[in-house]
Amino acid sequence: MNYSIMFSAVLMALTLSACDRPTVVTPAAVVTVPVPGPAGPAGATGATGDTGSTGSTGSTGSTGSTGATGSTGYTGATGSTGNTGATGSTGDTGATGARGKTGGDTVVIVPAK
């Protein structure tokens, strides 16, 4: 922790001292450009050159032939429908049980669901 405080203090001192320096401006160097003298008389006009010959045009290639169309395949046969099963018979009705006996003074409370 001691080093970070000392480092921060040195860094702040350097930063603030850099702001006080004046900026040095260097003036641009003067470049002397020589000016040419007056132009001389124009020369004689040269002769016109010959026109070149035109090249020959190439021939156009022939168009290729169209390929044959393939044949269409056959449609397969449809399968037959399977048999339907028979309906089963209805079962017998069971026997009805006998009524139970009534007890004495005992009361049975059945909890609600």
PDB file of N, CA and C in Angstrom:
ATOM      1  N   MET A   1       0.823  -1.181   0.000  1.00  0.00           N
ATOM      2  CA  MET A   1       0.000   0.000   0.000  1.00  0.00           C
ATOM      3  C   MET A   1       0.870   1.250   0.000  1.00  0.00           C
ATOM      4  N   ASN A   2       2.021   1.183   0.690  1.00  0.00           N
ATOM      5  CA  ASN A   2       2.910   2.350   0.765  1.00  0.00           C
ATOM      6  C   ASN A   2       3.468   2.689  -0.613  1.00  0.00           C
ATOM      7  N   TYR A   3       3.771   1.674  -1.398  1.00  0.00           N
ATOM      8  CA  TYR A   3       4.350   1.925  -2.726  1.00  0.00           C
ATOM      9  C   TYR A   3       3.322   2.536  -3.680  1.00  0.00           C
ATOM     10  N   SER A   4       2.082   2.123  -3.597  1.00  0.00           N
ATOM     11  CA  SER A   4       1.077   2.670  -4.507  1.00  0.00           C
ATOM     12  C   SER A   4       0.819   4.150  -4.246  1.00  0.00           C
ATOM     13  N   ILE A   5       0.840   4.571  -2.988  1.00  0.00           N
ATOM     14  CA  ILE A   5       0.642   5.995  -2.674  1.00  0.00           C
ATOM     15  C   ILE A   5       1.833   6.812  -3.174  1.00  0.00           C
ATOM     16  N   MET A   6       3.045   6.278  -2.981  1.00  0.00           N
ATOM     17  CA  MET A   6       4.243   6.990  -3.424  1.00  0.00           C
ATOM     18  C   MET A   6       4.271   7.056  -4.966  1.00  0.00           C
ATOM     19  N   PHE A   7       3.912   5.949  -5.605  1.00  0.00           N
ATOM     20  CA  PHE A   7       3.897   5.926  -7.073  1.00  0.00           C
ATOM     21  C   PHE A   7       2.872   6.920  -7.615  1.00  0.00           C
ATOM     22  N   SER A   8       1.710   7.004  -6.988  1.00  0.00           N
ATOM     23  CA  SER A   8       0.676   7.950  -7.426  1.00  0.00           C
ATOM     24  C   SER A   8       1.144   9.391  -7.272  1.00  0.00           C
ATOM     25  N   ALA A   9       1.855   9.702  -6.183  1.00  0.00           N
ATOM     26  CA  ALA A   9       2.329  11.066  -5.960  1.00  0.00           C
ATOM     27  C   ALA A   9       3.358  11.463  -7.022  1.00  0.00           C
ATOM     28  N   VAL A  10       4.281  10.544  -7.353  1.00  0.00           N
ATOM     29  CA  VAL A  10       5.296  10.844  -8.379  1.00  0.00           C
ATOM     30  C   VAL A  10       4.637  11.014  -9.740  1.00  0.00           C
ATOM     31  N   LEU A  11       3.688  10.159 -10.031  1.00  0.00           N
ATOM     32  CA  LEU A  11       2.993  10.244 -11.324  1.00  0.00           C
ATOM     33  C   LEU A  11       2.209  11.554 -11.446  1.00  0.00           C
ATOM     34  N   MET A  12       1.567  12.002 -10.383  1.00  0.00           N
ATOM     35  CA  MET A  12       0.824  13.264 -10.415  1.00  0.00           C
ATOM     36  C   MET A  12       1.767  14.450 -10.612  1.00  0.00           C
ATOM     37  N   ALA A  13       2.940  14.418  -9.964  1.00  0.00           N
ATOM     38  CA  ALA A  13       3.904  15.514 -10.102  1.00  0.00           C
ATOM     39  C   ALA A  13       4.413  15.603 -11.533  1.00  0.00           C
ATOM     40  N   LEU A  14       4.715  14.443 -12.124  1.00  0.00           N
ATOM     41  CA  LEU A  14       5.196  14.455 -13.514  1.00  0.00           C
ATOM     42  C   LEU A  14       4.115  14.922 -14.480  1.00  0.00           C
ATOM     43  N   THR A  15       2.893  14.500 -14.242  1.00  0.00           N
ATOM     44  CA  THR A  15       1.789  14.878 -15.131  1.00  0.00           C
ATOM     45  C   THR A  15       1.528  16.379 -15.075  1.00  0.00           C
ATOM     46  N   LEU A  16       1.507  16.946 -13.899  1.00  0.00           N
ATOM     47  CA  LEU A  16       1.238  18.382 -13.771  1.00  0.00           C
ATOM     48  C   LEU A  16       2.404  19.232 -14.271  1.00  0.00           C
ATOM     49  N   SER A  17       3.619  18.755 -14.131  1.00  0.00           N
ATOM     50  CA  SER A  17       4.750  19.546 -14.621  1.00  0.00           C
ATOM     51  C   SER A  17       4.826  19.529 -16.138  1.00  0.00           C
ATOM     52  N   ALA A  18       4.300  18.505 -16.769  1.00  0.00           N
ATOM     53  CA  ALA A  18       4.322  18.437 -18.226  1.00  0.00           C
ATOM     54  C   ALA A  18       3.334  19.423 -18.836  1.00  0.00           C
ATOM     55  N   CYS A  19       2.326  19.821 -18.097  1.00  0.00           N
ATOM     56  CA  CYS A  19       1.314  20.728 -18.622  1.00  0.00           C
ATOM     57  C   CYS A  19       1.809  22.172 -18.688  1.00  0.00           C
ATOM     58  N   ASP A  20       2.829  22.545 -17.910  1.00  0.00           N
ATOM     59  CA  ASP A  20       3.282  23.928 -17.840  1.00  0.00           C
ATOM     60  C   ASP A  20       4.294  24.296 -18.913  1.00  0.00           C
ATOM     61  N   ARG A  21       4.761  23.364 -19.664  1.00  0.00           N
ATOM     62  CA  ARG A  21       5.786  23.665 -20.670  1.00  0.00           C
ATOM     63  C   ARG A  21       5.158  24.358 -21.883  1.00  0.00           C
ATOM     64  N   PRO A  22       5.818  25.382 -22.409  1.00  0.00           N
ATOM     65  CA  PRO A  22       5.278  26.042 -23.608  1.00  0.00           C
ATOM     66  C   PRO A  22       5.527  25.174 -24.837  1.00  0.00           C
ATOM     67  N   THR A  23       4.643  25.278 -25.810  1.00  0.00           N
ATOM     68  CA  THR A  23       4.754  24.517 -27.048  1.00  0.00           C
ATOM     69  C   THR A  23       5.678  25.265 -28.003  1.00  0.00           C
ATOM     70  N   VAL A  24       6.650  24.573 -28.563  1.00  0.00           N
ATOM     71  CA  VAL A  24       7.608  25.180 -29.484  1.00  0.00           C
ATOM     72  C   VAL A  24       7.056  25.034 -30.896  1.00  0.00           C
ATOM     73  N   VAL A  25       6.938  26.151 -31.614  1.00  0.00           N
ATOM     74  CA  VAL A  25       6.427  26.152 -32.982  1.00  0.00           C
ATOM     75  C   VAL A  25       7.585  26.475 -33.911  1.00  0.00           C
ATOM     76  N   THR A  26       7.843  25.595 -34.859  1.00  0.00           N
ATOM     77  CA  THR A  26       8.924  25.812 -35.830  1.00  0.00           C
ATOM     78  C   THR A  26       8.317  26.423 -37.085  1.00  0.00           C
ATOM     79  N   PRO A  27       8.837  27.568 -37.560  1.00  0.00           N
ATOM     80  CA  PRO A  27       8.276  28.165 -38.782  1.00  0.00           C
ATOM     81  C   PRO A  27       8.631  27.310 -39.999  1.00  0.00           C
ATOM     82  N   ALA A  28       7.770  27.354 -40.998  1.00  0.00           N
ATOM     83  CA  ALA A  28       7.978  26.583 -42.223  1.00  0.00           C
ATOM     84  C   ALA A  28       9.152  27.168 -43.010  1.00  0.00           C
ATOM     85  N   ALA A  29       9.923  26.286 -43.651  1.00  0.00           N
ATOM     86  CA  ALA A  29      11.080  26.733 -44.434  1.00  0.00           C
ATOM     87  C   ALA A  29      10.607  27.353 -45.757  1.00  0.00           C
ATOM     88  N   VAL A  30      11.285  28.393 -46.196  1.00  0.00           N
ATOM     89  CA  VAL A  30      10.946  29.068 -47.440  1.00  0.00           C
ATOM     90  C   VAL A  30      11.615  28.314 -48.590  1.00  0.00           C
ATOM     91  N   VAL A  31      10.806  27.901 -49.576  1.00  0.00           N
ATOM     92  CA  VAL A  31      11.333  27.172 -50.731  1.00  0.00           C
ATOM     93  C   VAL A  31      11.339  28.126 -51.923  1.00  0.00           C
ATOM     94  N   THR A  32      12.503  28.269 -52.559  1.00  0.00           N
ATOM     95  CA  THR A  32      12.615  29.141 -53.731  1.00  0.00           C
ATOM     96  C   THR A  32      12.394  28.301 -54.980  1.00  0.00           C
ATOM     97  N   VAL A  33      11.426  28.724 -55.821  1.00  0.00           N
ATOM     98  CA  VAL A  33      11.116  27.996 -57.044  1.00  0.00           C
ATOM     99  C   VAL A  33      11.617  28.831 -58.219  1.00  0.00           C
ATOM    100  N   PRO A  34      12.517  28.258 -59.067  1.00  0.00           N
ATOM    101  CA  PRO A  34      12.988  29.035 -60.214  1.00  0.00           C
ATOM    102  C   PRO A  34      11.877  29.208 -61.249  1.00  0.00           C
ATOM    103  N   VAL A  35      11.795  30.361 -61.870  1.00  0.00           N
ATOM    104  CA  VAL A  35      10.786  30.658 -62.880  1.00  0.00           C
ATOM    105  C   VAL A  35      11.450  30.523 -64.253  1.00  0.00           C
ATOM    106  N   PRO A  36      10.877  29.725 -65.184  1.00  0.00           N
ATOM    107  CA  PRO A  36      11.485  29.573 -66.513  1.00  0.00           C
ATOM    108  C   PRO A  36      11.374  30.875 -67.320  1.00  0.00           C
ATOM    109  N   GLY A  37      12.242  31.003 -68.302  1.00  0.00           N
ATOM    110  CA  GLY A  37      12.245  32.193 -69.159  1.00  0.00           C
ATOM    111  C   GLY A  37      11.146  32.114 -70.211  1.00  0.00           C
ATOM    112  N   PRO A  38      11.134  33.045 -71.169  1.00  0.00           N
ATOM    113  CA  PRO A  38      10.092  33.048 -72.203  1.00  0.00           C
ATOM    114  C   PRO A  38      10.254  31.842 -73.140  1.00  0.00           C
ATOM    115  N   ALA A  39       9.118  31.373 -73.694  1.00  0.00           N
ATOM    116  CA  ALA A  39       9.130  30.208 -74.578  1.00  0.00           C
ATOM    117  C   ALA A  39       9.692  30.578 -75.940  1.00  0.00           C
ATOM    118  N   GLY A  40      10.347  29.595 -76.597  1.00  0.00           N
ATOM    119  CA  GLY A  40      10.905  29.821 -77.935  1.00  0.00           C
ATOM    120  C   GLY A  40       9.849  29.616 -79.011  1.00  0.00           C
ATOM    121  N   PRO A  41      10.206  29.758 -80.310  1.00  0.00           N
ATOM    122  CA  PRO A  41       9.234  29.574 -81.405  1.00  0.00           C
ATOM    123  C   PRO A  41       8.844  28.100 -81.524  1.00  0.00           C
ATOM    124  N   ALA A  42       7.620  27.847 -82.039  1.00  0.00           N
ATOM    125  CA  ALA A  42       7.120  26.490 -82.214  1.00  0.00           C
ATOM    126  C   ALA A  42       7.852  25.803 -83.349  1.00  0.00           C
ATOM    127  N   GLY A  43       8.045  24.470 -83.232  1.00  0.00           N
ATOM    128  CA  GLY A  43       8.728  23.697 -84.275  1.00  0.00           C
ATOM    129  C   GLY A  43       7.786  23.326 -85.403  1.00  0.00           C
ATOM    130  N   ALA A  44       8.333  22.713 -86.462  1.00  0.00           N
ATOM    131  CA  ALA A  44       7.542  22.297 -87.626  1.00  0.00           C
ATOM    132  C   ALA A  44       6.679  21.098 -87.254  1.00  0.00           C
ATOM    133  N   THR A  45       5.514  20.959 -87.937  1.00  0.00           N
ATOM    134  CA  THR A  45       4.590  19.854 -87.696  1.00  0.00           C
ATOM    135  C   THR A  45       5.146  18.593 -88.330  1.00  0.00           C
ATOM    136  N   GLY A  46       5.079  17.458 -87.604  1.00  0.00           N
ATOM    137  CA  GLY A  46       5.585  16.190 -88.119  1.00  0.00           C
ATOM    138  C   GLY A  46       4.611  15.540 -89.096  1.00  0.00           C
ATOM    139  N   ALA A  47       5.094  14.536 -89.848  1.00  0.00           N
ATOM    140  CA  ALA A  47       4.274  13.824 -90.838  1.00  0.00           C
ATOM    141  C   ALA A  47       3.315  12.871 -90.120  1.00  0.00           C
ATOM    142  N   THR A  48       2.151  12.597 -90.762  1.00  0.00           N
ATOM    143  CA  THR A  48       1.145  11.697 -90.191  1.00  0.00           C
ATOM    144  C   THR A  48       1.558  10.255 -90.477  1.00  0.00           C
ATOM    145  N   GLY A  49       1.394   9.357 -89.513  1.00  0.00           N
ATOM    146  CA  GLY A  49       1.764   7.950 -89.676  1.00  0.00           C
ATOM    147  C   GLY A  49       0.731   7.170 -90.476  1.00  0.00           C
ATOM    148  N   ASP A  50       1.141   5.952 -90.945  1.00  0.00           N
ATOM    149  CA  ASP A  50       0.251   5.084 -91.730  1.00  0.00           C
ATOM    150  C   ASP A  50      -0.786   4.423 -90.811  1.00  0.00           C
ATOM    151  N   THR A  51      -1.947   4.093 -91.375  1.00  0.00           N
ATOM    152  CA  THR A  51      -3.010   3.408 -90.633  1.00  0.00           C
ATOM    153  C   THR A  51      -2.724   1.911 -90.648  1.00  0.00           C
ATOM    154  N   GLY A  52      -2.862   1.249 -89.513  1.00  0.00           N
ATOM    155  CA  GLY A  52      -2.617  -0.189 -89.422  1.00  0.00           C
ATOM    156  C   GLY A  52      -3.750  -0.994 -90.043  1.00  0.00           C
ATOM    157  N   SER A  53      -3.468  -2.281 -90.365  1.00  0.00           N
ATOM    158  CA  SER A  53      -4.485  -3.145 -90.972  1.00  0.00           C
ATOM    159  C   SER A  53      -5.390  -3.732 -89.892  1.00  0.00           C
ATOM    160  N   THR A  54      -6.644  -4.078 -90.257  1.00  0.00           N
ATOM    161  CA  THR A  54      -7.625  -4.648 -89.337  1.00  0.00           C
ATOM    162  C   THR A  54      -7.441  -6.159 -89.290  1.00  0.00           C
ATOM    163  N   GLY A  55      -7.497  -6.749 -88.101  1.00  0.00           N
ATOM    164  CA  GLY A  55      -7.343  -8.190 -87.947  1.00  0.00           C
ATOM    165  C   GLY A  55      -8.583  -8.947 -88.416  1.00  0.00           C
ATOM    166  N   SER A  56      -8.420 -10.278 -88.651  1.00  0.00           N
ATOM    167  CA  SER A  56      -9.541 -11.100 -89.124  1.00  0.00           C
ATOM    168  C   SER A  56     -10.453 -11.489 -87.959  1.00  0.00           C
ATOM    169  N   THR A  57     -11.728 -11.698 -88.253  1.00  0.00           N
ATOM    170  CA  THR A  57     -12.717 -12.080 -87.255  1.00  0.00           C
ATOM    171  C   THR A  57     -12.723 -13.596 -87.108  1.00  0.00           C
ATOM    172  N   GLY A  58     -12.767 -14.094 -85.899  1.00  0.00           N
ATOM    173  CA  GLY A  58     -12.779 -15.537 -85.659  1.00  0.00           C
ATOM    174  C   GLY A  58     -14.117 -16.154 -86.009  1.00  0.00           C
ATOM    175  N   SER A  59     -14.122 -17.488 -86.239  1.00  0.00           N
ATOM    176  CA  SER A  59     -15.359 -18.182 -86.599  1.00  0.00           C
ATOM    177  C   SER A  59     -16.140 -18.571 -85.336  1.00  0.00           C
ATOM    178  N   THR A  60     -17.474 -18.742 -85.477  1.00  0.00           N
ATOM    179  CA  THR A  60     -18.346 -19.118 -84.371  1.00  0.00           C
ATOM    180  C   THR A  60     -18.409 -20.637 -84.290  1.00  0.00           C
ATOM    181  N   GLY A  61     -18.342 -21.184 -83.080  1.00  0.00           N
ATOM    182  CA  GLY A  61     -18.400 -22.635 -82.901  1.00  0.00           C
ATOM    183  C   GLY A  61     -19.800 -23.176 -83.136  1.00  0.00           C
ATOM    184  N   SER A  62     -19.887 -24.504 -83.413  1.00  0.00           N
ATOM    185  CA  SER A  62     -21.182 -25.136 -83.684  1.00  0.00           C
ATOM    186  C   SER A  62     -21.885 -25.485 -82.364  1.00  0.00           C
ATOM    187  N   THR A  63     -23.224 -25.585 -82.410  1.00  0.00           N
ATOM    188  CA  THR A  63     -24.028 -25.916 -81.237  1.00  0.00           C
ATOM    189  C   THR A  63     -24.075 -27.433 -81.072  1.00  0.00           C
ATOM    190  N   GLY A  64     -23.954 -27.904 -79.846  1.00  0.00           N
ATOM    191  CA  GLY A  64     -23.982 -29.344 -79.581  1.00  0.00           C
ATOM    192  C   GLY A  64     -25.383 -29.916 -79.732  1.00  0.00           C
ATOM    193  N   SER A  65     -25.467 -31.254 -79.896  1.00  0.00           N
ATOM    194  CA  SER A  65     -26.770 -31.913 -80.072  1.00  0.00           C
ATOM    195  C   SER A  65     -27.438 -32.138 -78.718  1.00  0.00           C
ATOM    196  N   THR A  66     -28.782 -32.242 -78.704  1.00  0.00           N
ATOM    197  CA  THR A  66     -29.561 -32.455 -77.491  1.00  0.00           C
ATOM    198  C   THR A  66     -29.621 -33.947 -77.183  1.00  0.00           C
ATOM    199  N   GLY A  67     -29.467 -34.320 -75.929  1.00  0.00           N
ATOM    200  CA  GLY A  67     -29.510 -35.726 -75.529  1.00  0.00           C
ATOM    201  C   GLY A  67     -30.921 -36.291 -75.572  1.00  0.00           C
ATOM    202  N   ALA A  68     -31.041 -37.656 -75.583  1.00  0.00           N
ATOM    203  CA  ALA A  68     -32.337 -38.336 -75.650  1.00  0.00           C
ATOM    204  C   ALA A  68     -33.020 -38.295 -74.285  1.00  0.00           C
ATOM    205  N   THR A  69     -34.362 -38.324 -74.260  1.00  0.00           N
ATOM    206  CA  THR A  69     -35.146 -38.324 -73.029  1.00  0.00           C
ATOM    207  C   THR A  69     -35.298 -39.762 -72.550  1.00  0.00           C
ATOM    208  N   GLY A  70     -35.152 -40.017 -71.252  1.00  0.00           N
ATOM    209  CA  GLY A  70     -35.275 -41.374 -70.711  1.00  0.00           C
ATOM    210  C   GLY A  70     -36.720 -41.845 -70.690  1.00  0.00           C
ATOM    211  N   SER A  71     -36.930 -43.197 -70.592  1.00  0.00           N
ATOM    212  CA  SER A  71     -38.277 -43.761 -70.591  1.00  0.00           C
ATOM    213  C   SER A  71     -38.873 -43.710 -69.190  1.00  0.00           C
ATOM    214  N   THR A  72     -40.216 -43.710 -69.090  1.00  0.00           N
ATOM    215  CA  THR A  72     -40.923 -43.633 -67.821  1.00  0.00           C
ATOM    216  C   THR A  72     -41.139 -45.049 -67.288  1.00  0.00           C
ATOM    217  N   GLY A  73     -40.954 -45.277 -65.985  1.00  0.00           N
ATOM    218  CA  GLY A  73     -41.121 -46.610 -65.393  1.00  0.00           C
ATOM    219  C   GLY A  73     -42.584 -46.999 -65.243  1.00  0.00           C
ATOM    220  N   TYR A  74     -42.838 -48.304 -64.958  1.00  0.00           N
ATOM    221  CA  TYR A  74     -44.199 -48.832 -64.790  1.00  0.00           C
ATOM    222  C   TYR A  74     -44.712 -48.552 -63.380  1.00  0.00           C
ATOM    223  N   THR A  75     -46.073 -48.484 -63.247  1.00  0.00           N
ATOM    224  CA  THR A  75     -46.704 -48.307 -61.951  1.00  0.00           C
ATOM    225  C   THR A  75     -46.950 -49.685 -61.355  1.00  0.00           C
ATOM    226  N   GLY A  76     -46.611 -49.894 -60.091  1.00  0.00           N
ATOM    227  CA  GLY A  76     -46.782 -51.199 -59.446  1.00  0.00           C
ATOM    228  C   GLY A  76     -48.244 -51.521 -59.163  1.00  0.00           C
ATOM    229  N   ALA A  77     -48.538 -52.836 -58.897  1.00  0.00           N
ATOM    230  CA  ALA A  77     -49.905 -53.288 -58.612  1.00  0.00           C
ATOM    231  C   ALA A  77     -50.289 -52.934 -57.191  1.00  0.00           C
ATOM    232  N   THR A  78     -51.603 -52.710 -56.933  1.00  0.00           N
ATOM    233  CA  THR A  78     -52.118 -52.391 -55.611  1.00  0.00           C
ATOM    234  C   THR A  78     -52.397 -53.684 -54.861  1.00  0.00           C
ATOM    235  N   GLY A  79     -52.028 -53.771 -53.582  1.00  0.00           N
ATOM    236  CA  GLY A  79     -52.259 -54.979 -52.787  1.00  0.00           C
ATOM    237  C   GLY A  79     -53.727 -55.147 -52.414  1.00  0.00           C
ATOM    238  N   SER A  80     -54.092 -56.394 -52.005  1.00  0.00           N
ATOM    239  CA  SER A  80     -55.492 -56.678 -51.641  1.00  0.00           C
ATOM    240  C   SER A  80     -55.750 -56.281 -50.191  1.00  0.00           C
ATOM    241  N   THR A  81     -57.036 -56.035 -49.857  1.00  0.00           N
ATOM    242  CA  THR A  81     -57.442 -55.635 -48.518  1.00  0.00           C
ATOM    243  C   THR A  81     -57.585 -56.877 -47.642  1.00  0.00           C
ATOM    244  N   GLY A  82     -57.136 -56.827 -46.384  1.00  0.00           N
ATOM    245  CA  GLY A  82     -57.208 -57.966 -45.469  1.00  0.00           C
ATOM    246  C   GLY A  82     -58.620 -58.210 -44.951  1.00  0.00           C
ATOM    247  N   ASN A  83     -58.855 -59.423 -44.315  1.00  0.00           N
ATOM    248  CA  ASN A  83     -60.164 -59.801 -43.770  1.00  0.00           C
ATOM    249  C   ASN A  83     -60.431 -59.078 -42.461  1.00  0.00           C
ATOM    250  N   THR A  84     -61.745 -58.848 -42.163  1.00  0.00           N
ATOM    251  CA  THR A  84     -62.156 -58.229 -40.915  1.00  0.00           C
ATOM    252  C   THR A  84     -62.503 -59.328 -39.920  1.00  0.00           C
ATOM    253  N   GLY A  85     -62.065 -59.214 -38.673  1.00  0.00           N
ATOM    254  CA  GLY A  85     -62.327 -60.240 -37.651  1.00  0.00           C
ATOM    255  C   GLY A  85     -63.777 -60.216 -37.179  1.00  0.00           C
ATOM    256  N   ALA A  86     -64.223 -61.350 -36.525  1.00  0.00           N
ATOM    257  CA  ALA A  86     -65.593 -61.471 -36.022  1.00  0.00           C
ATOM    258  C   ALA A  86     -65.723 -60.729 -34.697  1.00  0.00           C
ATOM    259  N   THR A  87     -66.975 -60.319 -34.354  1.00  0.00           N
ATOM    260  CA  THR A  87     -67.259 -59.632 -33.110  1.00  0.00           C
ATOM    261  C   THR A  87     -67.426 -60.670 -32.005  1.00  0.00           C
ATOM    262  N   GLY A  88     -66.832 -60.440 -30.821  1.00  0.00           N
ATOM    263  CA  GLY A  88     -66.930 -61.389 -29.701  1.00  0.00           C
ATOM    264  C   GLY A  88     -68.304 -61.358 -29.048  1.00  0.00           C
ATOM    265  N   SER A  89     -68.613 -62.441 -28.269  1.00  0.00           N
ATOM    266  CA  SER A  89     -69.916 -62.534 -27.604  1.00  0.00           C
ATOM    267  C   SER A  89     -69.885 -61.785 -26.275  1.00  0.00           C
ATOM    268  N   THR A  90     -71.091 -61.395 -25.778  1.00  0.00           N
ATOM    269  CA  THR A  90     -71.231 -60.665 -24.532  1.00  0.00           C
ATOM    270  C   THR A  90     -71.206 -61.646 -23.368  1.00  0.00           C
ATOM    271  N   GLY A  91     -70.517 -61.326 -22.270  1.00  0.00           N
ATOM    272  CA  GLY A  91     -70.426 -62.218 -21.101  1.00  0.00           C
ATOM    273  C   GLY A  91     -71.699 -62.216 -20.259  1.00  0.00           C
ATOM    274  N   ASP A  92     -71.797 -63.206 -19.334  1.00  0.00           N
ATOM    275  CA  ASP A  92     -72.957 -63.337 -18.445  1.00  0.00           C
ATOM    276  C   ASP A  92     -72.907 -62.276 -17.350  1.00  0.00           C
ATOM    277  N   THR A  93     -74.111 -61.956 -16.785  1.00  0.00           N
ATOM    278  CA  THR A  93     -74.207 -61.032 -15.678  1.00  0.00           C
ATOM    279  C   THR A  93     -73.999 -61.815 -14.394  1.00  0.00           C
ATOM    280  N   GLY A  94     -73.224 -61.304 -13.454  1.00  0.00           N
ATOM    281  CA  GLY A  94     -72.950 -62.004 -12.188  1.00  0.00           C
ATOM    282  C   GLY A  94     -74.152 -61.988 -11.248  1.00  0.00           C
ATOM    283  N   ALA A  95     -74.100 -62.846 -10.230  1.00  0.00           N
ATOM    284  CA  ALA A  95     -75.195 -62.962  -9.254  1.00  0.00           C
ATOM    285  C   ALA A  95     -75.120 -61.791  -8.274  1.00  0.00           C
ATOM    286  N   THR A  96     -76.296 -61.364  -7.756  1.00  0.00           N
ATOM    287  CA  THR A  96     -76.379 -60.283  -6.806  1.00  0.00           C
ATOM    288  C   THR A  96     -76.193 -60.852  -5.406  1.00  0.00           C
ATOM    289  N   GLY A  97     -75.420 -60.206  -4.559  1.00  0.00           N
ATOM    290  CA  GLY A  97     -75.171 -60.694  -3.200  1.00  0.00           C
ATOM    291  C   GLY A  97     -76.357 -60.448  -2.272  1.00  0.00           C
ATOM    292  N   ALA A  98     -76.379 -61.144  -1.109  1.00  0.00           N
ATOM    293  CA  ALA A  98     -77.457 -61.007  -0.127  1.00  0.00           C
ATOM    294  C   ALA A  98     -77.216 -59.775   0.718  1.00  0.00           C
ATOM    295  N   ARG A  99     -78.297 -59.227   1.267  1.00  0.00           N
ATOM    296  CA  ARG A  99     -78.223 -58.032   2.084  1.00  0.00           C
ATOM    297  C   ARG A  99     -77.619 -58.402   3.431  1.00  0.00           C
ATOM    298  N   GLY A 100     -76.767 -57.548   3.967  1.00  0.00           N
ATOM    299  CA  GLY A 100     -76.099 -57.826   5.239  1.00  0.00           C
ATOM    300  C   GLY A 100     -77.033 -57.633   6.427  1.00  0.00           C
ATOM    301  N   LYS A 101     -76.567 -58.175   7.566  1.00  0.00           N
ATOM    302  CA  LYS A 101     -77.358 -58.075   8.797  1.00  0.00           C
ATOM    303  C   LYS A 101     -77.133 -56.710   9.424  1.00  0.00           C
ATOM    304  N   THR A 102     -78.161 -56.221  10.137  1.00  0.00           N
ATOM    305  CA  THR A 102     -78.067 -54.964  10.828  1.00  0.00           C
ATOM    306  C   THR A 102     -77.501 -55.230  12.210  1.00  0.00           C
ATOM    307  N   GLY A 103     -76.535 -54.445  12.646  1.00  0.00           N
ATOM    308  CA  GLY A 103     -75.913 -54.653  13.964  1.00  0.00           C
ATOM    309  C   GLY A 103     -76.701 -53.992  15.060  1.00  0.00           C
ATOM    310  N   GLY A 104     -76.136 -53.983  16.247  1.00  0.00           N
ATOM    311  CA  GLY A 104     -76.822 -53.406  17.410  1.00  0.00           C
ATOM    312  C   GLY A 104     -76.742 -51.901  17.379  1.00  0.00           C
ATOM    313  N   ASP A 105     -76.219 -51.284  18.466  1.00  0.00           N
ATOM    314  CA  ASP A 105     -76.176 -49.854  18.611  1.00  0.00           C
ATOM    315  C   ASP A 105     -74.893 -49.227  18.050  1.00  0.00           C
ATOM    316  N   THR A 106     -74.095 -49.952  17.360  1.00  0.00           N
ATOM    317  CA  THR A 106     -72.817 -49.456  16.862  1.00  0.00           C
ATOM    318  C   THR A 106     -73.043 -48.591  15.612  1.00  0.00           C
ATOM    319  N   VAL A 107     -72.414 -47.388  15.633  1.00  0.00           N
ATOM    320  CA  VAL A 107     -72.525 -46.481  14.488  1.00  0.00           C
ATOM    321  C   VAL A 107     -71.146 -46.373  13.838  1.00  0.00           C
ATOM    322  N   VAL A 108     -71.075 -46.577  12.534  1.00  0.00           N
ATOM    323  CA  VAL A 108     -69.815 -46.485  11.800  1.00  0.00           C
ATOM    324  C   VAL A 108     -69.833 -45.230  10.949  1.00  0.00           C
ATOM    325  N   ILE A 109     -68.829 -44.346  11.135  1.00  0.00           N
ATOM    326  CA  ILE A 109     -68.756 -43.098  10.349  1.00  0.00           C
ATOM    327  C   ILE A 109     -67.658 -43.288   9.301  1.00  0.00           C
ATOM    328  N   VAL A 110     -68.047 -43.150   8.083  1.00  0.00           N
ATOM    329  CA  VAL A 110     -67.104 -43.313   6.974  1.00  0.00           C
ATOM    330  C   VAL A 110     -66.599 -41.927   6.571  1.00  0.00           C
ATOM    331  N   PRO A 111     -65.281 -41.695   6.564  1.00  0.00           N
ATOM    332  CA  PRO A 111     -64.768 -40.376   6.190  1.00  0.00           C
ATOM    333  C   PRO A 111     -65.040 -40.067   4.712  1.00  0.00           C
ATOM    334  N   ALA A 112     -65.283 -38.796   4.433  1.00  0.00           N
ATOM    335  CA  ALA A 112     -65.571 -38.369   3.049  1.00  0.00           C
ATOM    336  C   ALA A 112     -64.254 -38.327   2.253  1.00  0.00           C
ATOM    337  N   LYS A 113     -64.340 -38.590   1.000  1.00  0.00           N
ATOM    338  CA  LYS A 113     -63.142 -38.591   0.138  1.00  0.00           C
ATOM    339  C   LYS A 113     -62.977 -37.304  -0.587  1.00  0.00           C
TER     340      LYS A 113
END
